[in-house]
Amino acid sequence: METRVALIGIMVENPDSVGELNQLLHEYGSYIIGRMGIPYKERGINIISVAIDAPQDKINALSGKIGRLNGISAKTVYSNLKENK
């Protein structure tokens, strides 16, 4: 199956949704290469980047589910690199 490498940028403006976000990331954990979170206390938000290597439909599903959480937005950037696994 062909996989893509992507980066999902996540802005967390509602800390009450963090539990749901972490649950989603746990569900897709087998595809996640790594993640980095930066608390921006001056603005009261958290910035998270998630590197992922997965089939495109899995990446789209995760990004869409994250974006539907209250007070959380997500955007995805894809590498041109493709690989069959």
PDB file of N, CA and C in Angstrom:
ATOM      1  N   MET A   1       0.836  -1.173   0.000  1.00  0.00           N
ATOM      2  CA  MET A   1       0.000   0.000   0.000  1.00  0.00           C
ATOM      3  C   MET A   1       0.889   1.248   0.000  1.00  0.00           C
ATOM      4  N   GLU A   2       0.525   2.232  -0.815  1.00  0.00           N
ATOM      5  CA  GLU A   2       1.309   3.452  -0.925  1.00  0.00           C
ATOM      6  C   GLU A   2       1.091   4.341   0.299  1.00  0.00           C
ATOM      7  N   THR A   3       2.186   4.870   0.834  1.00  0.00           N
ATOM      8  CA  THR A   3       2.092   5.772   1.977  1.00  0.00           C
ATOM      9  C   THR A   3       2.695   7.125   1.608  1.00  0.00           C
ATOM     10  N   ARG A   4       2.324   8.122   2.381  1.00  0.00           N
ATOM     11  CA  ARG A   4       2.837   9.479   2.200  1.00  0.00           C
ATOM     12  C   ARG A   4       3.425   9.954   3.521  1.00  0.00           C
ATOM     13  N   VAL A   5       4.411  10.809   3.420  1.00  0.00           N
ATOM     14  CA  VAL A   5       4.961  11.464   4.602  1.00  0.00           C
ATOM     15  C   VAL A   5       4.310  12.845   4.670  1.00  0.00           C
ATOM     16  N   ALA A   6       3.802  13.189   5.841  1.00  0.00           N
ATOM     17  CA  ALA A   6       3.113  14.468   5.990  1.00  0.00           C
ATOM     18  C   ALA A   6       3.386  15.055   7.363  1.00  0.00           C
ATOM     19  N   LEU A   7       3.112  16.330   7.473  1.00  0.00           N
ATOM     20  CA  LEU A   7       3.205  17.048   8.735  1.00  0.00           C
ATOM     21  C   LEU A   7       1.841  17.675   8.997  1.00  0.00           C
ATOM     22  N   ILE A   8       1.273  17.359  10.157  1.00  0.00           N
ATOM     23  CA  ILE A   8      -0.001  17.957  10.556  1.00  0.00           C
ATOM     24  C   ILE A   8       0.304  19.032  11.592  1.00  0.00           C
ATOM     25  N   GLY A   9      -0.038  20.274  11.266  1.00  0.00           N
ATOM     26  CA  GLY A   9       0.122  21.390  12.199  1.00  0.00           C
ATOM     27  C   GLY A   9      -1.186  21.588  12.944  1.00  0.00           C
ATOM     28  N   ILE A  10      -1.114  21.624  14.264  1.00  0.00           N
ATOM     29  CA  ILE A  10      -2.318  21.693  15.098  1.00  0.00           C
ATOM     30  C   ILE A  10      -2.222  22.897  16.029  1.00  0.00           C
ATOM     31  N   MET A  11      -3.286  23.697  16.079  1.00  0.00           N
ATOM     32  CA  MET A  11      -3.403  24.812  17.017  1.00  0.00           C
ATOM     33  C   MET A  11      -4.498  24.472  18.022  1.00  0.00           C
ATOM     34  N   VAL A  12      -4.135  24.445  19.290  1.00  0.00           N
ATOM     35  CA  VAL A  12      -5.095  24.118  20.348  1.00  0.00           C
ATOM     36  C   VAL A  12      -5.434  25.402  21.094  1.00  0.00           C
ATOM     37  N   GLU A  13      -6.666  25.872  20.911  1.00  0.00           N
ATOM     38  CA  GLU A  13      -7.137  27.076  21.586  1.00  0.00           C
ATOM     39  C   GLU A  13      -8.092  26.754  22.732  1.00  0.00           C
ATOM     40  N   ASN A  14      -8.568  25.514  22.796  1.00  0.00           N
ATOM     41  CA  ASN A  14      -9.479  25.081  23.852  1.00  0.00           C
ATOM     42  C   ASN A  14      -8.853  23.905  24.595  1.00  0.00           C
ATOM     43  N   PRO A  15      -8.294  24.145  25.779  1.00  0.00           N
ATOM     44  CA  PRO A  15      -7.632  23.058  26.516  1.00  0.00           C
ATOM     45  C   PRO A  15      -8.575  21.929  26.923  1.00  0.00           C
ATOM     46  N   ASP A  16      -9.874  22.185  26.921  1.00  0.00           N
ATOM     47  CA  ASP A  16     -10.835  21.136  27.269  1.00  0.00           C
ATOM     48  C   ASP A  16     -10.889  20.021  26.223  1.00  0.00           C
ATOM     49  N   SER A  17     -10.392  20.279  25.018  1.00  0.00           N
ATOM     50  CA  SER A  17     -10.417  19.279  23.944  1.00  0.00           C
ATOM     51  C   SER A  17      -9.132  18.461  23.851  1.00  0.00           C
ATOM     52  N   VAL A  18      -8.177  18.721  24.724  1.00  0.00           N
ATOM     53  CA  VAL A  18      -6.887  18.033  24.649  1.00  0.00           C
ATOM     54  C   VAL A  18      -7.025  16.528  24.855  1.00  0.00           C
ATOM     55  N   GLY A  19      -7.907  16.097  25.738  1.00  0.00           N
ATOM     56  CA  GLY A  19      -8.103  14.666  25.965  1.00  0.00           C
ATOM     57  C   GLY A  19      -8.561  13.950  24.703  1.00  0.00           C
ATOM     58  N   GLU A  20      -9.513  14.556  23.995  1.00  0.00           N
ATOM     59  CA  GLU A  20      -9.995  13.967  22.739  1.00  0.00           C
ATOM     60  C   GLU A  20      -8.890  13.955  21.686  1.00  0.00           C
ATOM     61  N   LEU A  21      -8.092  15.025  21.640  1.00  0.00           N
ATOM     62  CA  LEU A  21      -6.976  15.084  20.696  1.00  0.00           C
ATOM     63  C   LEU A  21      -5.972  13.972  20.978  1.00  0.00           C
ATOM     64  N   ASN A  22      -5.601  13.816  22.237  1.00  0.00           N
ATOM     65  CA  ASN A  22      -4.642  12.767  22.593  1.00  0.00           C
ATOM     66  C   ASN A  22      -5.180  11.377  22.270  1.00  0.00           C
ATOM     67  N   GLN A  23      -6.483  11.165  22.438  1.00  0.00           N
ATOM     68  CA  GLN A  23      -7.088   9.875  22.091  1.00  0.00           C
ATOM     69  C   GLN A  23      -6.956   9.603  20.590  1.00  0.00           C
ATOM     70  N   LEU A  24      -7.218  10.611  19.776  1.00  0.00           N
ATOM     71  CA  LEU A  24      -7.069  10.446  18.326  1.00  0.00           C
ATOM     72  C   LEU A  24      -5.624  10.138  17.947  1.00  0.00           C
ATOM     73  N   LEU A  25      -4.687  10.867  18.538  1.00  0.00           N
ATOM     74  CA  LEU A  25      -3.275  10.620  18.228  1.00  0.00           C
ATOM     75  C   LEU A  25      -2.865   9.218  18.665  1.00  0.00           C
ATOM     76  N   HIS A  26      -3.414   8.753  19.772  1.00  0.00           N
ATOM     77  CA  HIS A  26      -3.136   7.389  20.229  1.00  0.00           C
ATOM     78  C   HIS A  26      -3.680   6.360  19.235  1.00  0.00           C
ATOM     79  N   GLU A  27      -4.875   6.594  18.710  1.00  0.00           N
ATOM     80  CA  GLU A  27      -5.491   5.670  17.736  1.00  0.00           C
ATOM     81  C   GLU A  27      -4.644   5.533  16.475  1.00  0.00           C
ATOM     82  N   TYR A  28      -3.994   6.604  16.070  1.00  0.00           N
ATOM     83  CA  TYR A  28      -3.180   6.602  14.848  1.00  0.00           C
ATOM     84  C   TYR A  28      -1.693   6.480  15.169  1.00  0.00           C
ATOM     85  N   GLY A  29      -1.369   6.087  16.388  1.00  0.00           N
ATOM     86  CA  GLY A  29       0.010   6.036  16.856  1.00  0.00           C
ATOM     87  C   GLY A  29       0.942   5.180  16.016  1.00  0.00           C
ATOM     88  N   SER A  30       0.426   4.118  15.400  1.00  0.00           N
ATOM     89  CA  SER A  30       1.298   3.246  14.604  1.00  0.00           C
ATOM     90  C   SER A  30       1.824   3.944  13.347  1.00  0.00           C
ATOM     91  N   TYR A  31       1.197   5.035  12.937  1.00  0.00           N
ATOM     92  CA  TYR A  31       1.631   5.786  11.758  1.00  0.00           C
ATOM     93  C   TYR A  31       2.487   7.000  12.111  1.00  0.00           C
ATOM     94  N   ILE A  32       2.451   7.416  13.368  1.00  0.00           N
ATOM     95  CA  ILE A  32       3.112   8.653  13.762  1.00  0.00           C
ATOM     96  C   ILE A  32       4.616   8.438  13.927  1.00  0.00           C
ATOM     97  N   ILE A  33       5.400   9.264  13.243  1.00  0.00           N
ATOM     98  CA  ILE A  33       6.859   9.221  13.324  1.00  0.00           C
ATOM     99  C   ILE A  33       7.314   9.937  14.595  1.00  0.00           C
ATOM    100  N   GLY A  34       6.717  11.088  14.857  1.00  0.00           N
ATOM    101  CA  GLY A  34       7.069  11.876  16.034  1.00  0.00           C
ATOM    102  C   GLY A  34       6.150  13.069  16.169  1.00  0.00           C
ATOM    103  N   ARG A  35       6.179  13.679  17.346  1.00  0.00           N
ATOM    104  CA  ARG A  35       5.366  14.867  17.567  1.00  0.00           C
ATOM    105  C   ARG A  35       6.098  15.824  18.491  1.00  0.00           C
ATOM    106  N   MET A  36       5.773  17.106  18.348  1.00  0.00           N
ATOM    107  CA  MET A  36       6.385  18.134  19.180  1.00  0.00           C
ATOM    108  C   MET A  36       5.295  19.127  19.572  1.00  0.00           C
ATOM    109  N   GLY A  37       5.232  19.436  20.848  1.00  0.00           N
ATOM    110  CA  GLY A  37       4.265  20.407  21.332  1.00  0.00           C
ATOM    111  C   GLY A  37       4.956  21.606  21.935  1.00  0.00           C
ATOM    112  N   ILE A  38       4.438  22.787  21.629  1.00  0.00           N
ATOM    113  CA  ILE A  38       5.003  24.025  22.148  1.00  0.00           C
ATOM    114  C   ILE A  38       3.891  24.814  22.829  1.00  0.00           C
ATOM    115  N   PRO A  39       3.969  24.994  24.144  1.00  0.00           N
ATOM    116  CA  PRO A  39       2.984  25.847  24.807  1.00  0.00           C
ATOM    117  C   PRO A  39       3.342  27.315  24.581  1.00  0.00           C
ATOM    118  N   TYR A  40       2.390  28.093  24.120  1.00  0.00           N
ATOM    119  CA  TYR A  40       2.604  29.524  23.907  1.00  0.00           C
ATOM    120  C   TYR A  40       1.768  30.253  24.947  1.00  0.00           C
ATOM    121  N   LYS A  41       2.327  30.370  26.129  1.00  0.00           N
ATOM    122  CA  LYS A  41       1.600  30.882  27.289  1.00  0.00           C
ATOM    123  C   LYS A  41       1.126  32.321  27.101  1.00  0.00           C
ATOM    124  N   GLU A  42       1.909  33.148  26.432  1.00  0.00           N
ATOM    125  CA  GLU A  42       1.531  34.544  26.233  1.00  0.00           C
ATOM    126  C   GLU A  42       0.219  34.680  25.467  1.00  0.00           C
ATOM    127  N   ARG A  43      -0.079  33.711  24.591  1.00  0.00           N
ATOM    128  CA  ARG A  43      -1.300  33.740  23.790  1.00  0.00           C
ATOM    129  C   ARG A  43      -2.347  32.743  24.268  1.00  0.00           C
ATOM    130  N   GLY A  44      -1.959  31.891  25.220  1.00  0.00           N
ATOM    131  CA  GLY A  44      -2.905  30.913  25.755  1.00  0.00           C
ATOM    132  C   GLY A  44      -3.259  29.796  24.788  1.00  0.00           C
ATOM    133  N   ILE A  45      -2.321  29.443  23.903  1.00  0.00           N
ATOM    134  CA  ILE A  45      -2.557  28.352  22.957  1.00  0.00           C
ATOM    135  C   ILE A  45      -1.403  27.360  23.025  1.00  0.00           C
ATOM    136  N   ASN A  46      -1.626  26.193  22.435  1.00  0.00           N
ATOM    137  CA  ASN A  46      -0.577  25.187  22.277  1.00  0.00           C
ATOM    138  C   ASN A  46      -0.441  24.889  20.795  1.00  0.00           C
ATOM    139  N   ILE A  47       0.790  24.772  20.350  1.00  0.00           N
ATOM    140  CA  ILE A  47       1.095  24.487  18.950  1.00  0.00           C
ATOM    141  C   ILE A  47       1.727  23.106  18.905  1.00  0.00           C
ATOM    142  N   ILE A  48       1.155  22.229  18.092  1.00  0.00           N
ATOM    143  CA  ILE A  48       1.635  20.846  18.011  1.00  0.00           C
ATOM    144  C   ILE A  48       1.922  20.509  16.554  1.00  0.00           C
ATOM    145  N   SER A  49       3.049  19.861  16.320  1.00  0.00           N
ATOM    146  CA  SER A  49       3.330  19.328  14.983  1.00  0.00           C
ATOM    147  C   SER A  49       3.441  17.812  15.098  1.00  0.00           C
ATOM    148  N   VAL A  50       2.830  17.133  14.145  1.00  0.00           N
ATOM    149  CA  VAL A  50       2.831  15.672  14.124  1.00  0.00           C
ATOM    150  C   VAL A  50       3.354  15.220  12.761  1.00  0.00           C
ATOM    151  N   ALA A  51       4.471  14.492  12.764  1.00  0.00           N
ATOM    152  CA  ALA A  51       5.009  13.897  11.536  1.00  0.00           C
ATOM    153  C   ALA A  51       4.433  12.498  11.409  1.00  0.00           C
ATOM    154  N   ILE A  52       3.946  12.168  10.210  1.00  0.00           N
ATOM    155  CA  ILE A  52       3.227  10.909  10.006  1.00  0.00           C
ATOM    156  C   ILE A  52       3.613  10.286   8.666  1.00  0.00           C
ATOM    157  N   ASP A  53       3.674   8.973   8.630  1.00  0.00           N
ATOM    158  CA  ASP A  53       3.920   8.202   7.400  1.00  0.00           C
ATOM    159  C   ASP A  53       2.800   7.184   7.311  1.00  0.00           C
ATOM    160  N   ALA A  54       1.836   7.433   6.419  1.00  0.00           N
ATOM    161  CA  ALA A  54       0.622   6.610   6.378  1.00  0.00           C
ATOM    162  C   ALA A  54      -0.025   6.698   5.000  1.00  0.00           C
ATOM    163  N   PRO A  55      -0.962   5.795   4.709  1.00  0.00           N
ATOM    164  CA  PRO A  55      -1.749   5.958   3.489  1.00  0.00           C
ATOM    165  C   PRO A  55      -2.491   7.299   3.524  1.00  0.00           C
ATOM    166  N   GLN A  56      -2.671   7.904   2.372  1.00  0.00           N
ATOM    167  CA  GLN A  56      -3.276   9.233   2.317  1.00  0.00           C
ATOM    168  C   GLN A  56      -4.657   9.278   2.963  1.00  0.00           C
ATOM    169  N   ASP A  57      -5.441   8.214   2.831  1.00  0.00           N
ATOM    170  CA  ASP A  57      -6.772   8.236   3.439  1.00  0.00           C
ATOM    171  C   ASP A  57      -6.702   8.270   4.962  1.00  0.00           C
ATOM    172  N   LYS A  58      -5.690   7.650   5.549  1.00  0.00           N
ATOM    173  CA  LYS A  58      -5.520   7.681   7.008  1.00  0.00           C
ATOM    174  C   LYS A  58      -5.106   9.078   7.471  1.00  0.00           C
ATOM    175  N   ILE A  59      -4.205   9.703   6.713  1.00  0.00           N
ATOM    176  CA  ILE A  59      -3.774  11.063   7.051  1.00  0.00           C
ATOM    177  C   ILE A  59      -4.965  12.022   6.972  1.00  0.00           C
ATOM    178  N   ASN A  60      -5.731  11.919   5.885  1.00  0.00           N
ATOM    179  CA  ASN A  60      -6.904  12.783   5.720  1.00  0.00           C
ATOM    180  C   ASN A  60      -7.922  12.563   6.833  1.00  0.00           C
ATOM    181  N   ALA A  61      -8.133  11.306   7.203  1.00  0.00           N
ATOM    182  CA  ALA A  61      -9.097  10.995   8.261  1.00  0.00           C
ATOM    183  C   ALA A  61      -8.657  11.596   9.588  1.00  0.00           C
ATOM    184  N   LEU A  62      -7.386  11.428   9.937  1.00  0.00           N
ATOM    185  CA  LEU A  62      -6.892  11.969  11.200  1.00  0.00           C
ATOM    186  C   LEU A  62      -6.982  13.491  11.206  1.00  0.00           C
ATOM    187  N   SER A  63      -6.523  14.137  10.155  1.00  0.00           N
ATOM    188  CA  SER A  63      -6.551  15.591  10.094  1.00  0.00           C
ATOM    189  C   SER A  63      -7.984  16.112  10.170  1.00  0.00           C
ATOM    190  N   GLY A  64      -8.902  15.453   9.487  1.00  0.00           N
ATOM    191  CA  GLY A  64     -10.302  15.863   9.517  1.00  0.00           C
ATOM    192  C   GLY A  64     -10.919  15.710  10.897  1.00  0.00           C
ATOM    193  N   LYS A  65     -10.628  14.592  11.563  1.00  0.00           N
ATOM    194  CA  LYS A  65     -11.160  14.366  12.909  1.00  0.00           C
ATOM    195  C   LYS A  65     -10.608  15.396  13.895  1.00  0.00           C
ATOM    196  N   ILE A  66      -9.319  15.713  13.761  1.00  0.00           N
ATOM    197  CA  ILE A  66      -8.716  16.718  14.633  1.00  0.00           C
ATOM    198  C   ILE A  66      -9.379  18.077  14.396  1.00  0.00           C
ATOM    199  N   GLY A  67      -9.565  18.434  13.148  1.00  0.00           N
ATOM    200  CA  GLY A  67     -10.145  19.726  12.798  1.00  0.00           C
ATOM    201  C   GLY A  67     -11.582  19.902  13.258  1.00  0.00           C
ATOM    202  N   ARG A  68     -12.284  18.800  13.511  1.00  0.00           N
ATOM    203  CA  ARG A  68     -13.669  18.884  13.992  1.00  0.00           C
ATOM    204  C   ARG A  68     -13.774  19.021  15.510  1.00  0.00           C
ATOM    205  N   LEU A  69     -12.652  18.910  16.197  1.00  0.00           N
ATOM    206  CA  LEU A  69     -12.681  19.078  17.658  1.00  0.00           C
ATOM    207  C   LEU A  69     -12.889  20.554  17.994  1.00  0.00           C
ATOM    208  N   ASN A  70     -13.635  20.804  19.049  1.00  0.00           N
ATOM    209  CA  ASN A  70     -13.951  22.165  19.476  1.00  0.00           C
ATOM    210  C   ASN A  70     -12.681  22.913  19.901  1.00  0.00           C
ATOM    211  N   GLY A  71     -12.420  24.060  19.253  1.00  0.00           N
ATOM    212  CA  GLY A  71     -11.283  24.887  19.631  1.00  0.00           C
ATOM    213  C   GLY A  71      -9.941  24.390  19.144  1.00  0.00           C
ATOM    214  N   ILE A  72      -9.955  23.476  18.170  1.00  0.00           N
ATOM    215  CA  ILE A  72      -8.707  22.941  17.611  1.00  0.00           C
ATOM    216  C   ILE A  72      -8.771  23.042  16.095  1.00  0.00           C
ATOM    217  N   SER A  73      -7.700  23.525  15.494  1.00  0.00           N
ATOM    218  CA  SER A  73      -7.625  23.562  14.034  1.00  0.00           C
ATOM    219  C   SER A  73      -6.382  22.810  13.578  1.00  0.00           C
ATOM    220  N   ALA A  74      -6.447  22.274  12.357  1.00  0.00           N
ATOM    221  CA  ALA A  74      -5.339  21.475  11.833  1.00  0.00           C
ATOM    222  C   ALA A  74      -5.190  21.703  10.334  1.00  0.00           C
ATOM    223  N   LYS A  75      -3.959  21.727   9.889  1.00  0.00           N
ATOM    224  CA  LYS A  75      -3.630  21.801   8.467  1.00  0.00           C
ATOM    225  C   LYS A  75      -2.541  20.780   8.187  1.00  0.00           C
ATOM    226  N   THR A  76      -2.578  20.204   6.996  1.00  0.00           N
ATOM    227  CA  THR A  76      -1.634  19.154   6.635  1.00  0.00           C
ATOM    228  C   THR A  76      -0.800  19.566   5.426  1.00  0.00           C
ATOM    229  N   VAL A  77       0.495  19.281   5.514  1.00  0.00           N
ATOM    230  CA  VAL A  77       1.435  19.508   4.420  1.00  0.00           C
ATOM    231  C   VAL A  77       2.023  18.157   4.044  1.00  0.00           C
ATOM    232  N   TYR A  78       2.034  17.856   2.750  1.00  0.00           N
ATOM    233  CA  TYR A  78       2.505  16.556   2.264  1.00  0.00           C
ATOM    234  C   TYR A  78       3.862  16.661   1.585  1.00  0.00           C
ATOM    235  N   SER A  79       4.683  15.646   1.782  1.00  0.00           N
ATOM    236  CA  SER A  79       5.920  15.489   1.026  1.00  0.00           C
ATOM    237  C   SER A  79       5.556  14.921  -0.346  1.00  0.00           C
ATOM    238  N   ASN A  80       6.388  15.159  -1.335  1.00  0.00           N
ATOM    239  CA  ASN A  80       6.184  14.555  -2.654  1.00  0.00           C
ATOM    240  C   ASN A  80       6.642  13.105  -2.677  1.00  0.00           C
ATOM    241  N   LEU A  81       7.357  12.677  -1.624  1.00  0.00           N
ATOM    242  CA  LEU A  81       7.864  11.329  -1.523  1.00  0.00           C
ATOM    243  C   LEU A  81       6.717  10.332  -1.331  1.00  0.00           C
ATOM    244  N   LYS A  82       6.683   9.292  -2.149  1.00  0.00           N
ATOM    245  CA  LYS A  82       5.686   8.232  -2.025  1.00  0.00           C
ATOM    246  C   LYS A  82       6.418   6.903  -1.942  1.00  0.00           C
ATOM    247  N   GLU A  83       5.838   5.967  -1.189  1.00  0.00           N
ATOM    248  CA  GLU A  83       6.478   4.662  -1.034  1.00  0.00           C
ATOM    249  C   GLU A  83       5.404   3.592  -0.918  1.00  0.00           C
ATOM    250  N   ASN A  84       5.675   2.460  -1.522  1.00  0.00           N
ATOM    251  CA  ASN A  84       4.797   1.294  -1.362  1.00  0.00           C
ATOM    252  C   ASN A  84       5.294   0.474  -0.204  1.00  0.00           C
ATOM    253  N   LYS A  85       4.412   0.146   0.725  1.00  0.00           N
ATOM    254  CA  LYS A  85       4.783  -0.689   1.854  1.00  0.00           C
ATOM    255  C   LYS A  85       4.086  -2.024   1.756  1.00  0.00           C
TER     256      LYS A  85
END
